[in-house]
């Protein structure tokens, strides 16, 4: 049996202020074809920063 093409893909969210920190998550590429931009906590900076999707 063949599997259907999966809608979810694994992405990496990289911090915009400190490019060393990143978060790995998944997104549905059918519902959100554009790049994600989320606020996440950066432990090295000790504050919440904007993280952008990078492949």
PDB file of N, CA and C in Angstrom:
ATOM      1  N   UNK A   1       0.832  -1.189   0.000  1.00  0.00           N
ATOM      2  CA  UNK A   1       0.000   0.000   0.000  1.00  0.00           C
ATOM      3  C   UNK A   1       0.874   1.249   0.000  1.00  0.00           C
ATOM      4  N   UNK A   2       0.572   2.147  -0.867  1.00  0.00           N
ATOM      5  CA  UNK A   2       1.326   3.394  -0.948  1.00  0.00           C
ATOM      6  C   UNK A   2       0.731   4.425   0.006  1.00  0.00           C
ATOM      7  N   UNK A   3       1.603   5.218   0.611  1.00  0.00           N
ATOM      8  CA  UNK A   3       1.161   6.288   1.500  1.00  0.00           C
ATOM      9  C   UNK A   3       0.797   7.519   0.692  1.00  0.00           C
ATOM     10  N   UNK A   4      -0.156   8.285   1.191  1.00  0.00           N
ATOM     11  CA  UNK A   4      -0.483   9.557   0.573  1.00  0.00           C
ATOM     12  C   UNK A   4       0.623  10.559   0.899  1.00  0.00           C
ATOM     13  N   UNK A   5       0.741  11.584   0.078  1.00  0.00           N
ATOM     14  CA  UNK A   5       1.722  12.637   0.345  1.00  0.00           C
ATOM     15  C   UNK A   5       1.331  13.350   1.637  1.00  0.00           C
ATOM     16  N   UNK A   6       2.284  13.480   2.524  1.00  0.00           N
ATOM     17  CA  UNK A   6       1.990  14.092   3.808  1.00  0.00           C
ATOM     18  C   UNK A   6       1.863  15.609   3.667  1.00  0.00           C
ATOM     19  N   UNK A   7       0.892  16.163   4.367  1.00  0.00           N
ATOM     20  CA  UNK A   7       0.648  17.605   4.304  1.00  0.00           C
ATOM     21  C   UNK A   7       1.582  18.359   5.247  1.00  0.00           C
ATOM     22  N   UNK A   8       2.063  17.684   6.310  1.00  0.00           N
ATOM     23  CA  UNK A   8       2.898  18.351   7.297  1.00  0.00           C
ATOM     24  C   UNK A   8       4.370  18.134   6.980  1.00  0.00           C
ATOM     25  N   UNK A   9       5.151  19.192   7.159  1.00  0.00           N
ATOM     26  CA  UNK A   9       6.587  19.075   6.961  1.00  0.00           C
ATOM     27  C   UNK A   9       7.320  19.658   8.164  1.00  0.00           C
ATOM     28  N   UNK A  10       8.516  19.162   8.429  1.00  0.00           N
ATOM     29  CA  UNK A  10       9.329  19.622   9.542  1.00  0.00           C
ATOM     30  C   UNK A  10      10.066  20.883   9.100  1.00  0.00           C
ATOM     31  N   UNK A  11      10.000  21.922   9.933  1.00  0.00           N
ATOM     32  CA  UNK A  11      10.660  23.184   9.614  1.00  0.00           C
ATOM     33  C   UNK A  11      11.526  23.629  10.785  1.00  0.00           C
ATOM     34  N   UNK A  12      12.429  24.554  10.510  1.00  0.00           N
ATOM     35  CA  UNK A  12      13.315  25.118  11.530  1.00  0.00           C
ATOM     36  C   UNK A  12      13.019  26.608  11.641  1.00  0.00           C
ATOM     37  N   UNK A  13      12.744  27.073  12.859  1.00  0.00           N
ATOM     38  CA  UNK A  13      12.515  28.488  13.127  1.00  0.00           C
ATOM     39  C   UNK A  13      13.785  29.058  13.754  1.00  0.00           C
ATOM     40  N   UNK A  14      14.425  30.005  13.061  1.00  0.00           N
ATOM     41  CA  UNK A  14      15.688  30.585  13.510  1.00  0.00           C
ATOM     42  C   UNK A  14      15.430  31.971  14.088  1.00  0.00           C
ATOM     43  N   UNK A  15      16.101  32.269  15.202  1.00  0.00           N
ATOM     44  CA  UNK A  15      15.954  33.564  15.864  1.00  0.00           C
ATOM     45  C   UNK A  15      16.510  34.678  14.983  1.00  0.00           C
ATOM     46  N   UNK A  16      15.792  35.812  14.928  1.00  0.00           N
ATOM     47  CA  UNK A  16      16.239  36.931  14.098  1.00  0.00           C
ATOM     48  C   UNK A  16      17.318  37.763  14.793  1.00  0.00           C
ATOM     49  N   UNK A  17      17.311  37.794  16.121  1.00  0.00           N
ATOM     50  CA  UNK A  17      18.304  38.582  16.857  1.00  0.00           C
ATOM     51  C   UNK A  17      19.609  37.823  17.053  1.00  0.00           C
ATOM     52  N   UNK A  18      19.492  36.537  17.375  1.00  0.00           N
ATOM     53  CA  UNK A  18      20.659  35.692  17.619  1.00  0.00           C
ATOM     54  C   UNK A  18      20.491  34.464  16.728  1.00  0.00           C
ATOM     55  N   UNK A  19      21.182  34.399  15.626  1.00  0.00           N
ATOM     56  CA  UNK A  19      20.959  33.322  14.651  1.00  0.00           C
ATOM     57  C   UNK A  19      21.474  31.964  15.117  1.00  0.00           C
ATOM     58  N   UNK A  20      22.020  31.884  16.335  1.00  0.00           N
ATOM     59  CA  UNK A  20      22.501  30.602  16.867  1.00  0.00           C
ATOM     60  C   UNK A  20      21.362  29.731  17.394  1.00  0.00           C
ATOM     61  N   UNK A  21      20.301  30.354  17.880  1.00  0.00           N
ATOM     62  CA  UNK A  21      19.201  29.609  18.493  1.00  0.00           C
ATOM     63  C   UNK A  21      18.134  29.283  17.457  1.00  0.00           C
ATOM     64  N   UNK A  22      17.629  28.036  17.490  1.00  0.00           N
ATOM     65  CA  UNK A  22      16.542  27.653  16.592  1.00  0.00           C
ATOM     66  C   UNK A  22      15.607  26.687  17.290  1.00  0.00           C
ATOM     67  N   UNK A  23      14.383  26.578  16.754  1.00  0.00           N
ATOM     68  CA  UNK A  23      13.346  25.694  17.270  1.00  0.00           C
ATOM     69  C   UNK A  23      12.853  24.853  16.103  1.00  0.00           C
ATOM     70  N   UNK A  24      12.678  23.551  16.318  1.00  0.00           N
ATOM     71  CA  UNK A  24      12.170  22.660  15.275  1.00  0.00           C
ATOM     72  C   UNK A  24      10.700  22.390  15.545  1.00  0.00           C
ATOM     73  N   UNK A  25       9.876  22.529  14.502  1.00  0.00           N
ATOM     74  CA  UNK A  25       8.442  22.305  14.612  1.00  0.00           C
ATOM     75  C   UNK A  25       7.912  21.805  13.270  1.00  0.00           C
ATOM     76  N   UNK A  26       6.610  21.579  13.195  1.00  0.00           N
ATOM     77  CA  UNK A  26       5.992  21.155  11.937  1.00  0.00           C
ATOM     78  C   UNK A  26       4.923  22.148  11.537  1.00  0.00           C
ATOM     79  N   UNK A  27       4.634  22.182  10.238  1.00  0.00           N
ATOM     80  CA  UNK A  27       3.541  23.023   9.754  1.00  0.00           C
ATOM     81  C   UNK A  27       2.849  22.309   8.606  1.00  0.00           C
ATOM     82  N   UNK A  28       1.591  22.660   8.389  1.00  0.00           N
ATOM     83  CA  UNK A  28       0.829  22.115   7.280  1.00  0.00           C
ATOM     84  C   UNK A  28       1.098  22.982   6.062  1.00  0.00           C
ATOM     85  N   UNK A  29       1.795  22.422   5.073  1.00  0.00           N
ATOM     86  CA  UNK A  29       2.193  23.235   3.918  1.00  0.00           C
ATOM     87  C   UNK A  29       1.041  23.557   2.980  1.00  0.00           C
ATOM     88  N   UNK A  30      -0.068  22.857   3.101  1.00  0.00           N
ATOM     89  CA  UNK A  30      -1.245  23.191   2.281  1.00  0.00           C
ATOM     90  C   UNK A  30      -1.972  24.407   2.840  1.00  0.00           C
ATOM     91  N   UNK A  31      -2.107  24.481   4.155  1.00  0.00           N
ATOM     92  CA  UNK A  31      -2.835  25.591   4.787  1.00  0.00           C
ATOM     93  C   UNK A  31      -1.989  26.855   4.907  1.00  0.00           C
ATOM     94  N   UNK A  32      -0.675  26.710   5.117  1.00  0.00           N
ATOM     95  CA  UNK A  32       0.215  27.864   5.277  1.00  0.00           C
ATOM     96  C   UNK A  32       1.398  27.724   4.322  1.00  0.00           C
ATOM     97  N   UNK A  33       1.219  28.093   3.049  1.00  0.00           N
ATOM     98  CA  UNK A  33       2.313  27.960   2.081  1.00  0.00           C
ATOM     99  C   UNK A  33       3.430  28.998   2.285  1.00  0.00           C
ATOM    100  N   UNK A  34       3.105  30.146   2.910  1.00  0.00           N
ATOM    101  CA  UNK A  34       4.131  31.155   3.140  1.00  0.00           C
ATOM    102  C   UNK A  34       4.948  30.815   4.383  1.00  0.00           C
ATOM    103  N   UNK A  35       6.038  31.538   4.602  1.00  0.00           N
ATOM    104  CA  UNK A  35       6.942  31.245   5.713  1.00  0.00           C
ATOM    105  C   UNK A  35       6.337  31.695   7.039  1.00  0.00           C
ATOM    106  N   UNK A  36       6.572  30.894   8.071  1.00  0.00           N
ATOM    107  CA  UNK A  36       6.069  31.200   9.406  1.00  0.00           C
ATOM    108  C   UNK A  36       6.963  32.212  10.105  1.00  0.00           C
ATOM    109  N   UNK A  37       6.354  32.974  10.985  1.00  0.00           N
ATOM    110  CA  UNK A  37       7.076  33.930  11.816  1.00  0.00           C
ATOM    111  C   UNK A  37       6.388  33.937  13.179  1.00  0.00           C
ATOM    112  N   UNK A  38       7.045  33.370  14.187  1.00  0.00           N
ATOM    113  CA  UNK A  38       6.453  33.224  15.515  1.00  0.00           C
ATOM    114  C   UNK A  38       7.358  33.829  16.578  1.00  0.00           C
ATOM    115  N   UNK A  39       6.747  34.195  17.706  1.00  0.00           N
ATOM    116  CA  UNK A  39       7.519  34.662  18.851  1.00  0.00           C
ATOM    117  C   UNK A  39       7.802  33.468  19.752  1.00  0.00           C
ATOM    118  N   UNK A  40       9.083  33.239  20.027  1.00  0.00           N
ATOM    119  CA  UNK A  40       9.517  32.132  20.870  1.00  0.00           C
ATOM    120  C   UNK A  40      10.540  32.641  21.877  1.00  0.00           C
ATOM    121  N   UNK A  41      10.719  31.878  22.957  1.00  0.00           N
ATOM    122  CA  UNK A  41      11.685  32.242  23.997  1.00  0.00           C
ATOM    123  C   UNK A  41      13.087  31.825  23.579  1.00  0.00           C
ATOM    124  N   UNK A  42      14.045  32.734  23.735  1.00  0.00           N
ATOM    125  CA  UNK A  42      15.446  32.456  23.461  1.00  0.00           C
ATOM    126  C   UNK A  42      16.185  32.421  24.797  1.00  0.00           C
ATOM    127  N   UNK A  43      16.643  31.244  25.245  1.00  0.00           N
ATOM    128  CA  UNK A  43      17.279  31.144  26.563  1.00  0.00           C
ATOM    129  C   UNK A  43      18.626  31.868  26.659  1.00  0.00           C
ATOM    130  N   UNK A  44      19.367  31.984  25.568  1.00  0.00           N
ATOM    131  CA  UNK A  44      20.660  32.664  25.629  1.00  0.00           C
ATOM    132  C   UNK A  44      20.489  34.175  25.812  1.00  0.00           C
ATOM    133  N   UNK A  45      19.427  34.739  25.240  1.00  0.00           N
ATOM    134  CA  UNK A  45      19.134  36.160  25.415  1.00  0.00           C
ATOM    135  C   UNK A  45      18.207  36.415  26.594  1.00  0.00           C
ATOM    136  N   UNK A  46      17.559  35.380  27.072  1.00  0.00           N
ATOM    137  CA  UNK A  46      16.618  35.434  28.196  1.00  0.00           C
ATOM    138  C   UNK A  46      15.426  36.347  27.913  1.00  0.00           C
ATOM    139  N   UNK A  47      14.902  36.259  26.695  1.00  0.00           N
ATOM    140  CA  UNK A  47      13.705  37.021  26.360  1.00  0.00           C
ATOM    141  C   UNK A  47      13.012  36.382  25.164  1.00  0.00           C
ATOM    142  N   UNK A  48      11.804  36.838  24.895  1.00  0.00           N
ATOM    143  CA  UNK A  48      11.020  36.350  23.767  1.00  0.00           C
ATOM    144  C   UNK A  48      11.429  37.139  22.528  1.00  0.00           C
ATOM    145  N   UNK A  49      11.753  36.426  21.459  1.00  0.00           N
ATOM    146  CA  UNK A  49      12.188  37.073  20.226  1.00  0.00           C
ATOM    147  C   UNK A  49      11.406  36.500  19.042  1.00  0.00           C
ATOM    148  N   UNK A  50      11.488  37.156  17.907  1.00  0.00           N
ATOM    149  CA  UNK A  50      10.832  36.699  16.688  1.00  0.00           C
ATOM    150  C   UNK A  50      11.701  35.634  16.031  1.00  0.00           C
ATOM    151  N   UNK A  51      11.067  34.520  15.667  1.00  0.00           N
ATOM    152  CA  UNK A  51      11.755  33.427  14.968  1.00  0.00           C
ATOM    153  C   UNK A  51      11.120  33.271  13.602  1.00  0.00           C
ATOM    154  N   UNK A  52      11.953  33.206  12.550  1.00  0.00           N
ATOM    155  CA  UNK A  52      11.457  33.064  11.180  1.00  0.00           C
ATOM    156  C   UNK A  52      11.827  31.697  10.634  1.00  0.00           C
ATOM    157  N   UNK A  53      10.991  31.212   9.747  1.00  0.00           N
ATOM    158  CA  UNK A  53      11.205  29.897   9.130  1.00  0.00           C
ATOM    159  C   UNK A  53      12.396  29.935   8.173  1.00  0.00           C
ATOM    160  N   UNK A  54      13.217  28.907   8.272  1.00  0.00           N
ATOM    161  CA  UNK A  54      14.350  28.754   7.373  1.00  0.00           C
ATOM    162  C   UNK A  54      14.475  27.278   7.034  1.00  0.00           C
ATOM    163  N   UNK A  55      14.743  26.961   5.767  1.00  0.00           N
ATOM    164  CA  UNK A  55      14.845  25.562   5.366  1.00  0.00           C
ATOM    165  C   UNK A  55      16.244  25.034   5.494  1.00  0.00           C
TER     166      UNK A  55
END
